[in-house]
């Protein structure tokens, strides 16, 4: 993910099967994040998480995701 000062852009699973992020919403009052995208086969992906360790360079977003009928947990760490 990249932030240009106004918008967040990025990819899910960079590589030949990458998926462009459609939207990223951050609620700065609760530091929650919602990420949405659609696969090339038009399956919707949504992920809801919470920003943690905000003061750390290696801050994280932890939460859960849904892709079609598949659900799981995720963790994104800034390297």
PDB file of N, CA and C in Angstrom:
ATOM      1  N   UNK A   1       0.835  -1.171   0.000  1.00  0.00           N
ATOM      2  CA  UNK A   1       0.000   0.000   0.000  1.00  0.00           C
ATOM      3  C   UNK A   1       0.882   1.238   0.000  1.00  0.00           C
ATOM      4  N   UNK A   2       0.405   2.257  -0.672  1.00  0.00           N
ATOM      5  CA  UNK A   2       1.099   3.542  -0.729  1.00  0.00           C
ATOM      6  C   UNK A   2       0.103   4.654  -0.437  1.00  0.00           C
ATOM      7  N   UNK A   3       0.585   5.685   0.241  1.00  0.00           N
ATOM      8  CA  UNK A   3      -0.245   6.843   0.540  1.00  0.00           C
ATOM      9  C   UNK A   3       0.415   8.064  -0.064  1.00  0.00           C
ATOM     10  N   UNK A   4      -0.315   8.822  -0.879  1.00  0.00           N
ATOM     11  CA  UNK A   4       0.254   9.992  -1.554  1.00  0.00           C
ATOM     12  C   UNK A   4      -0.078  11.297  -0.837  1.00  0.00           C
ATOM     13  N   UNK A   5      -0.570  11.199   0.397  1.00  0.00           N
ATOM     14  CA  UNK A   5      -0.977  12.370   1.145  1.00  0.00           C
ATOM     15  C   UNK A   5      -2.475  12.609   1.072  1.00  0.00           C
ATOM     16  N   UNK A   6      -3.126  11.923   0.145  1.00  0.00           N
ATOM     17  CA  UNK A   6      -4.569  12.075  -0.035  1.00  0.00           C
ATOM     18  C   UNK A   6      -5.267  10.729  -0.227  1.00  0.00           C
ATOM     19  N   UNK A   7      -4.654   9.829  -0.994  1.00  0.00           N
ATOM     20  CA  UNK A   7      -5.265   8.540  -1.331  1.00  0.00           C
ATOM     21  C   UNK A   7      -4.331   7.381  -1.016  1.00  0.00           C
ATOM     22  N   UNK A   8      -4.935   6.251  -0.675  1.00  0.00           N
ATOM     23  CA  UNK A   8      -4.191   5.002  -0.491  1.00  0.00           C
ATOM     24  C   UNK A   8      -4.404   4.163  -1.741  1.00  0.00           C
ATOM     25  N   UNK A   9      -3.317   3.672  -2.311  1.00  0.00           N
ATOM     26  CA  UNK A   9      -3.371   2.780  -3.466  1.00  0.00           C
ATOM     27  C   UNK A   9      -2.556   1.531  -3.145  1.00  0.00           C
ATOM     28  N   UNK A  10      -2.721   0.495  -3.925  1.00  0.00           N
ATOM     29  CA  UNK A  10      -1.921  -0.689  -3.699  1.00  0.00           C
ATOM     30  C   UNK A  10      -2.496  -1.916  -4.359  1.00  0.00           C
ATOM     31  N   UNK A  11      -1.865  -3.050  -4.043  1.00  0.00           N
ATOM     32  CA  UNK A  11      -2.231  -4.337  -4.628  1.00  0.00           C
ATOM     33  C   UNK A  11      -2.394  -5.381  -3.552  1.00  0.00           C
ATOM     34  N   UNK A  12      -3.267  -6.331  -3.807  1.00  0.00           N
ATOM     35  CA  UNK A  12      -3.354  -7.554  -3.018  1.00  0.00           C
ATOM     36  C   UNK A  12      -2.644  -8.621  -3.822  1.00  0.00           C
ATOM     37  N   UNK A  13      -1.750  -9.369  -3.192  1.00  0.00           N
ATOM     38  CA  UNK A  13      -1.025 -10.451  -3.840  1.00  0.00           C
ATOM     39  C   UNK A  13      -0.282  -9.966  -5.086  1.00  0.00           C
ATOM     40  N   UNK A  14       0.712  -9.076  -4.901  1.00  0.00           N
ATOM     41  CA  UNK A  14       1.458  -8.584  -6.073  1.00  0.00           C
ATOM     42  C   UNK A  14       1.986  -9.741  -6.925  1.00  0.00           C
ATOM     43  N   UNK A  15       1.965  -9.573  -8.201  1.00  0.00           N
ATOM     44  CA  UNK A  15       2.411 -10.609  -9.127  1.00  0.00           C
ATOM     45  C   UNK A  15       1.399 -10.774 -10.238  1.00  0.00           C
ATOM     46  N   UNK A  16       1.455 -11.898 -10.948  1.00  0.00           N
ATOM     47  CA  UNK A  16       0.577 -12.081 -12.101  1.00  0.00           C
ATOM     48  C   UNK A  16      -0.910 -12.140 -11.741  1.00  0.00           C
ATOM     49  N   UNK A  17      -1.241 -12.521 -10.499  1.00  0.00           N
ATOM     50  CA  UNK A  17      -2.642 -12.597 -10.075  1.00  0.00           C
ATOM     51  C   UNK A  17      -3.010 -11.440  -9.154  1.00  0.00           C
ATOM     52  N   UNK A  18      -2.323 -10.315  -9.274  1.00  0.00           N
ATOM     53  CA  UNK A  18      -2.551  -9.189  -8.371  1.00  0.00           C
ATOM     54  C   UNK A  18      -3.950  -8.600  -8.539  1.00  0.00           C
ATOM     55  N   UNK A  19      -4.418  -7.960  -7.467  1.00  0.00           N
ATOM     56  CA  UNK A  19      -5.736  -7.331  -7.449  1.00  0.00           C
ATOM     57  C   UNK A  19      -5.530  -5.892  -6.983  1.00  0.00           C
ATOM     58  N   UNK A  20      -6.014  -4.932  -7.747  1.00  0.00           N
ATOM     59  CA  UNK A  20      -5.881  -3.524  -7.403  1.00  0.00           C
ATOM     60  C   UNK A  20      -6.884  -3.183  -6.306  1.00  0.00           C
ATOM     61  N   UNK A  21      -6.427  -2.470  -5.265  1.00  0.00           N
ATOM     62  CA  UNK A  21      -7.336  -2.025  -4.218  1.00  0.00           C
ATOM     63  C   UNK A  21      -8.336  -1.043  -4.811  1.00  0.00           C
ATOM     64  N   UNK A  22      -9.620  -1.257  -4.538  1.00  0.00           N
ATOM     65  CA  UNK A  22     -10.664  -0.360  -5.043  1.00  0.00           C
ATOM     66  C   UNK A  22     -10.864   0.817  -4.098  1.00  0.00           C
ATOM     67  N   UNK A  23     -10.841   0.548  -2.789  1.00  0.00           N
ATOM     68  CA  UNK A  23     -11.000   1.634  -1.826  1.00  0.00           C
ATOM     69  C   UNK A  23     -10.368   1.252  -0.497  1.00  0.00           C
ATOM     70  N   UNK A  24      -9.895   2.275   0.196  1.00  0.00           N
ATOM     71  CA  UNK A  24      -9.363   2.122   1.550  1.00  0.00           C
ATOM     72  C   UNK A  24      -9.929   3.275   2.361  1.00  0.00           C
ATOM     73  N   UNK A  25     -10.602   2.957   3.461  1.00  0.00           N
ATOM     74  CA  UNK A  25     -11.166   3.973   4.332  1.00  0.00           C
ATOM     75  C   UNK A  25     -10.551   3.829   5.713  1.00  0.00           C
ATOM     76  N   UNK A  26     -10.070   4.925   6.275  1.00  0.00           N
ATOM     77  CA  UNK A  26      -9.492   4.924   7.618  1.00  0.00           C
ATOM     78  C   UNK A  26     -10.328   5.844   8.500  1.00  0.00           C
ATOM     79  N   UNK A  27     -10.799   5.316   9.626  1.00  0.00           N
ATOM     80  CA  UNK A  27     -11.506   6.113  10.622  1.00  0.00           C
ATOM     81  C   UNK A  27     -10.478   6.495  11.687  1.00  0.00           C
ATOM     82  N   UNK A  28     -10.044   7.744  11.675  1.00  0.00           N
ATOM     83  CA  UNK A  28      -8.981   8.179  12.588  1.00  0.00           C
ATOM     84  C   UNK A  28      -9.455   8.344  14.028  1.00  0.00           C
ATOM     85  N   UNK A  29     -10.764   8.280  14.268  1.00  0.00           N
ATOM     86  CA  UNK A  29     -11.229   8.356  15.655  1.00  0.00           C
ATOM     87  C   UNK A  29     -11.057   7.018  16.364  1.00  0.00           C
ATOM     88  N   UNK A  30     -11.103   5.917  15.614  1.00  0.00           N
ATOM     89  CA  UNK A  30     -10.950   4.577  16.200  1.00  0.00           C
ATOM     90  C   UNK A  30      -9.750   3.827  15.625  1.00  0.00           C
ATOM     91  N   UNK A  31      -9.092   4.408  14.625  1.00  0.00           N
ATOM     92  CA  UNK A  31      -7.973   3.794  13.897  1.00  0.00           C
ATOM     93  C   UNK A  31      -8.363   2.442  13.313  1.00  0.00           C
ATOM     94  N   UNK A  32      -9.586   2.379  12.773  1.00  0.00           N
ATOM     95  CA  UNK A  32     -10.016   1.184  12.054  1.00  0.00           C
ATOM     96  C   UNK A  32      -9.885   1.435  10.553  1.00  0.00           C
ATOM     97  N   UNK A  33      -9.705   0.350   9.806  1.00  0.00           N
ATOM     98  CA  UNK A  33      -9.463   0.423   8.368  1.00  0.00           C
ATOM     99  C   UNK A  33     -10.400  -0.541   7.654  1.00  0.00           C
ATOM    100  N   UNK A  34     -10.947  -0.096   6.532  1.00  0.00           N
ATOM    101  CA  UNK A  34     -11.748  -0.980   5.662  1.00  0.00           C
ATOM    102  C   UNK A  34     -11.122  -0.934   4.278  1.00  0.00           C
ATOM    103  N   UNK A  35     -10.797  -2.112   3.755  1.00  0.00           N
ATOM    104  CA  UNK A  35     -10.175  -2.259   2.442  1.00  0.00           C
ATOM    105  C   UNK A  35     -11.127  -3.061   1.565  1.00  0.00           C
ATOM    106  N   UNK A  36     -11.336  -2.601   0.329  1.00  0.00           N
ATOM    107  CA  UNK A  36     -12.208  -3.327  -0.589  1.00  0.00           C
ATOM    108  C   UNK A  36     -11.545  -3.460  -1.952  1.00  0.00           C
ATOM    109  N   UNK A  37     -11.859  -4.565  -2.620  1.00  0.00           N
ATOM    110  CA  UNK A  37     -11.332  -4.839  -3.966  1.00  0.00           C
ATOM    111  C   UNK A  37     -12.205  -5.900  -4.616  1.00  0.00           C
ATOM    112  N   UNK A  38     -12.033  -6.068  -5.914  1.00  0.00           N
ATOM    113  CA  UNK A  38     -12.722  -7.121  -6.654  1.00  0.00           C
ATOM    114  C   UNK A  38     -11.696  -7.895  -7.469  1.00  0.00           C
ATOM    115  N   UNK A  39     -11.828  -9.230  -7.456  1.00  0.00           N
ATOM    116  CA  UNK A  39     -10.906 -10.055  -8.219  1.00  0.00           C
ATOM    117  C   UNK A  39     -11.201  -9.920  -9.711  1.00  0.00           C
ATOM    118  N   UNK A  40     -10.329 -10.466 -10.527  1.00  0.00           N
ATOM    119  CA  UNK A  40     -10.542 -10.441 -11.976  1.00  0.00           C
ATOM    120  C   UNK A  40     -11.798 -11.211 -12.365  1.00  0.00           C
ATOM    121  N   UNK A  41     -12.211 -12.163 -11.485  1.00  0.00           N
ATOM    122  CA  UNK A  41     -13.435 -12.944 -11.709  1.00  0.00           C
ATOM    123  C   UNK A  41     -14.649 -12.279 -11.073  1.00  0.00           C
ATOM    124  N   UNK A  42     -14.507 -11.011 -10.638  1.00  0.00           N
ATOM    125  CA  UNK A  42     -15.592 -10.210 -10.054  1.00  0.00           C
ATOM    126  C   UNK A  42     -16.075 -10.716  -8.693  1.00  0.00           C
ATOM    127  N   UNK A  43     -15.186 -11.374  -7.927  1.00  0.00           N
ATOM    128  CA  UNK A  43     -15.502 -11.773  -6.554  1.00  0.00           C
ATOM    129  C   UNK A  43     -15.073 -10.628  -5.640  1.00  0.00           C
ATOM    130  N   UNK A  44     -15.984 -10.165  -4.788  1.00  0.00           N
ATOM    131  CA  UNK A  44     -15.712  -9.020  -3.912  1.00  0.00           C
ATOM    132  C   UNK A  44     -14.872  -9.452  -2.707  1.00  0.00           C
ATOM    133  N   UNK A  45     -13.904  -8.622  -2.357  1.00  0.00           N
ATOM    134  CA  UNK A  45     -13.075  -8.823  -1.182  1.00  0.00           C
ATOM    135  C   UNK A  45     -13.271  -7.625  -0.274  1.00  0.00           C
ATOM    136  N   UNK A  46     -13.499  -7.875   1.014  1.00  0.00           N
ATOM    137  CA  UNK A  46     -13.529  -6.791   1.988  1.00  0.00           C
ATOM    138  C   UNK A  46     -12.735  -7.222   3.212  1.00  0.00           C
ATOM    139  N   UNK A  47     -12.009  -6.275   3.783  1.00  0.00           N
ATOM    140  CA  UNK A  47     -11.197  -6.539   4.962  1.00  0.00           C
ATOM    141  C   UNK A  47     -11.391  -5.401   5.946  1.00  0.00           C
ATOM    142  N   UNK A  48     -11.631  -5.751   7.197  1.00  0.00           N
ATOM    143  CA  UNK A  48     -11.773  -4.768   8.264  1.00  0.00           C
ATOM    144  C   UNK A  48     -10.716  -5.050   9.314  1.00  0.00           C
ATOM    145  N   UNK A  49      -9.976  -4.002   9.691  1.00  0.00           N
ATOM    146  CA  UNK A  49      -8.919  -4.186  10.661  1.00  0.00           C
ATOM    147  C   UNK A  49      -8.702  -2.960  11.510  1.00  0.00           C
ATOM    148  N   UNK A  50      -7.764  -3.074  12.433  1.00  0.00           N
ATOM    149  CA  UNK A  50      -7.427  -1.987  13.337  1.00  0.00           C
ATOM    150  C   UNK A  50      -5.930  -1.727  13.253  1.00  0.00           C
ATOM    151  N   UNK A  51      -5.575  -0.447  13.127  1.00  0.00           N
ATOM    152  CA  UNK A  51      -4.164  -0.055  13.150  1.00  0.00           C
ATOM    153  C   UNK A  51      -3.631  -0.213  14.564  1.00  0.00           C
ATOM    154  N   UNK A  52      -2.451  -0.837  14.695  1.00  0.00           N
ATOM    155  CA  UNK A  52      -1.818  -1.040  15.995  1.00  0.00           C
ATOM    156  C   UNK A  52      -0.378  -0.554  15.935  1.00  0.00           C
ATOM    157  N   UNK A  53       0.172  -0.229  17.090  1.00  0.00           N
ATOM    158  CA  UNK A  53       1.555   0.261  17.208  1.00  0.00           C
ATOM    159  C   UNK A  53       1.766   1.494  16.329  1.00  0.00           C
ATOM    160  N   UNK A  54       0.866   2.461  16.419  1.00  0.00           N
ATOM    161  CA  UNK A  54       0.904   3.638  15.555  1.00  0.00           C
ATOM    162  C   UNK A  54       2.226   4.382  15.579  1.00  0.00           C
ATOM    163  N   UNK A  55       2.892   4.437  16.721  1.00  0.00           N
ATOM    164  CA  UNK A  55       4.153   5.156  16.819  1.00  0.00           C
ATOM    165  C   UNK A  55       5.348   4.405  16.263  1.00  0.00           C
ATOM    166  N   UNK A  56       5.169   3.142  15.938  1.00  0.00           N
ATOM    167  CA  UNK A  56       6.257   2.304  15.446  1.00  0.00           C
ATOM    168  C   UNK A  56       6.373   2.374  13.927  1.00  0.00           C
ATOM    169  N   UNK A  57       7.598   2.346  13.425  1.00  0.00           N
ATOM    170  CA  UNK A  57       7.797   2.261  11.973  1.00  0.00           C
ATOM    171  C   UNK A  57       7.159   0.974  11.444  1.00  0.00           C
ATOM    172  N   UNK A  58       7.180  -0.092  12.236  1.00  0.00           N
ATOM    173  CA  UNK A  58       6.657  -1.400  11.829  1.00  0.00           C
ATOM    174  C   UNK A  58       5.222  -1.602  12.321  1.00  0.00           C
ATOM    175  N   UNK A  59       4.401  -0.537  12.256  1.00  0.00           N
ATOM    176  CA  UNK A  59       3.011  -0.641  12.695  1.00  0.00           C
ATOM    177  C   UNK A  59       2.271  -1.702  11.879  1.00  0.00           C
ATOM    178  N   UNK A  60       1.148  -2.151  12.405  1.00  0.00           N
ATOM    179  CA  UNK A  60       0.406  -3.244  11.776  1.00  0.00           C
ATOM    180  C   UNK A  60      -1.063  -2.883  11.610  1.00  0.00           C
ATOM    181  N   UNK A  61      -1.715  -3.623  10.721  1.00  0.00           N
ATOM    182  CA  UNK A  61      -3.171  -3.642  10.634  1.00  0.00           C
ATOM    183  C   UNK A  61      -3.560  -5.106  10.823  1.00  0.00           C
ATOM    184  N   UNK A  62      -4.407  -5.376  11.821  1.00  0.00           N
ATOM    185  CA  UNK A  62      -4.881  -6.738  12.083  1.00  0.00           C
ATOM    186  C   UNK A  62      -6.394  -6.756  11.990  1.00  0.00           C
ATOM    187  N   UNK A  63      -6.925  -7.835  11.398  1.00  0.00           N
ATOM    188  CA  UNK A  63      -8.369  -7.928  11.300  1.00  0.00           C
ATOM    189  C   UNK A  63      -8.832  -9.183  10.602  1.00  0.00           C
ATOM    190  N   UNK A  64     -10.008  -9.091   9.986  1.00  0.00           N
ATOM    191  CA  UNK A  64     -10.585 -10.239   9.279  1.00  0.00           C
ATOM    192  C   UNK A  64     -10.984  -9.822   7.868  1.00  0.00           C
ATOM    193  N   UNK A  65     -11.047 -10.793   6.968  1.00  0.00           N
ATOM    194  CA  UNK A  65     -11.365 -10.537   5.567  1.00  0.00           C
ATOM    195  C   UNK A  65     -12.392 -11.547   5.080  1.00  0.00           C
ATOM    196  N   UNK A  66     -13.102 -11.157   4.025  1.00  0.00           N
ATOM    197  CA  UNK A  66     -14.071 -12.031   3.364  1.00  0.00           C
ATOM    198  C   UNK A  66     -13.846 -11.913   1.863  1.00  0.00           C
ATOM    199  N   UNK A  67     -13.746 -13.059   1.197  1.00  0.00           N
ATOM    200  CA  UNK A  67     -13.645 -13.109  -0.262  1.00  0.00           C
ATOM    201  C   UNK A  67     -14.683 -14.106  -0.737  1.00  0.00           C
ATOM    202  N   UNK A  68     -15.799 -13.593  -1.245  1.00  0.00           N
ATOM    203  CA  UNK A  68     -16.904 -14.485  -1.596  1.00  0.00           C
ATOM    204  C   UNK A  68     -17.427 -15.135  -0.331  1.00  0.00           C
ATOM    205  N   UNK A  69     -17.387 -16.465  -0.258  1.00  0.00           N
ATOM    206  CA  UNK A  69     -17.841 -17.182   0.936  1.00  0.00           C
ATOM    207  C   UNK A  69     -16.681 -17.602   1.845  1.00  0.00           C
ATOM    208  N   UNK A  70     -15.460 -17.233   1.492  1.00  0.00           N
ATOM    209  CA  UNK A  70     -14.283 -17.581   2.282  1.00  0.00           C
ATOM    210  C   UNK A  70     -13.968 -16.459   3.253  1.00  0.00           C
ATOM    211  N   UNK A  71     -13.663 -16.827   4.514  1.00  0.00           N
ATOM    212  CA  UNK A  71     -13.349 -15.856   5.550  1.00  0.00           C
ATOM    213  C   UNK A  71     -12.031 -16.225   6.206  1.00  0.00           C
ATOM    214  N   UNK A  72     -11.352 -15.226   6.750  1.00  0.00           N
ATOM    215  CA  UNK A  72     -10.109 -15.495   7.456  1.00  0.00           C
ATOM    216  C   UNK A  72      -9.617 -14.260   8.200  1.00  0.00           C
ATOM    217  N   UNK A  73      -8.486 -14.410   8.845  1.00  0.00           N
ATOM    218  CA  UNK A  73      -7.848 -13.312   9.556  1.00  0.00           C
ATOM    219  C   UNK A  73      -6.632 -12.861   8.771  1.00  0.00           C
ATOM    220  N   UNK A  74      -6.201 -11.604   8.969  1.00  0.00           N
ATOM    221  CA  UNK A  74      -5.013 -11.116   8.306  1.00  0.00           C
ATOM    222  C   UNK A  74      -4.223 -10.201   9.229  1.00  0.00           C
ATOM    223  N   UNK A  75      -2.958 -10.031   8.876  1.00  0.00           N
ATOM    224  CA  UNK A  75      -2.078  -9.085   9.555  1.00  0.00           C
ATOM    225  C   UNK A  75      -1.156  -8.489   8.492  1.00  0.00           C
ATOM    226  N   UNK A  76      -1.150  -7.165   8.409  1.00  0.00           N
ATOM    227  CA  UNK A  76      -0.258  -6.442   7.490  1.00  0.00           C
ATOM    228  C   UNK A  76       0.755  -5.713   8.349  1.00  0.00           C
ATOM    229  N   UNK A  77       2.047  -5.903   8.068  1.00  0.00           N
ATOM    230  CA  UNK A  77       3.104  -5.232   8.815  1.00  0.00           C
ATOM    231  C   UNK A  77       3.925  -4.391   7.877  1.00  0.00           C
ATOM    232  N   UNK A  78       4.199  -3.167   8.279  1.00  0.00           N
ATOM    233  CA  UNK A  78       5.039  -2.280   7.477  1.00  0.00           C
ATOM    234  C   UNK A  78       6.490  -2.700   7.661  1.00  0.00           C
ATOM    235  N   UNK A  79       7.186  -2.954   6.563  1.00  0.00           N
ATOM    236  CA  UNK A  79       8.607  -3.330   6.610  1.00  0.00           C
ATOM    237  C   UNK A  79       9.465  -2.181   6.164  1.00  0.00           C
TER     238      UNK A  79
END
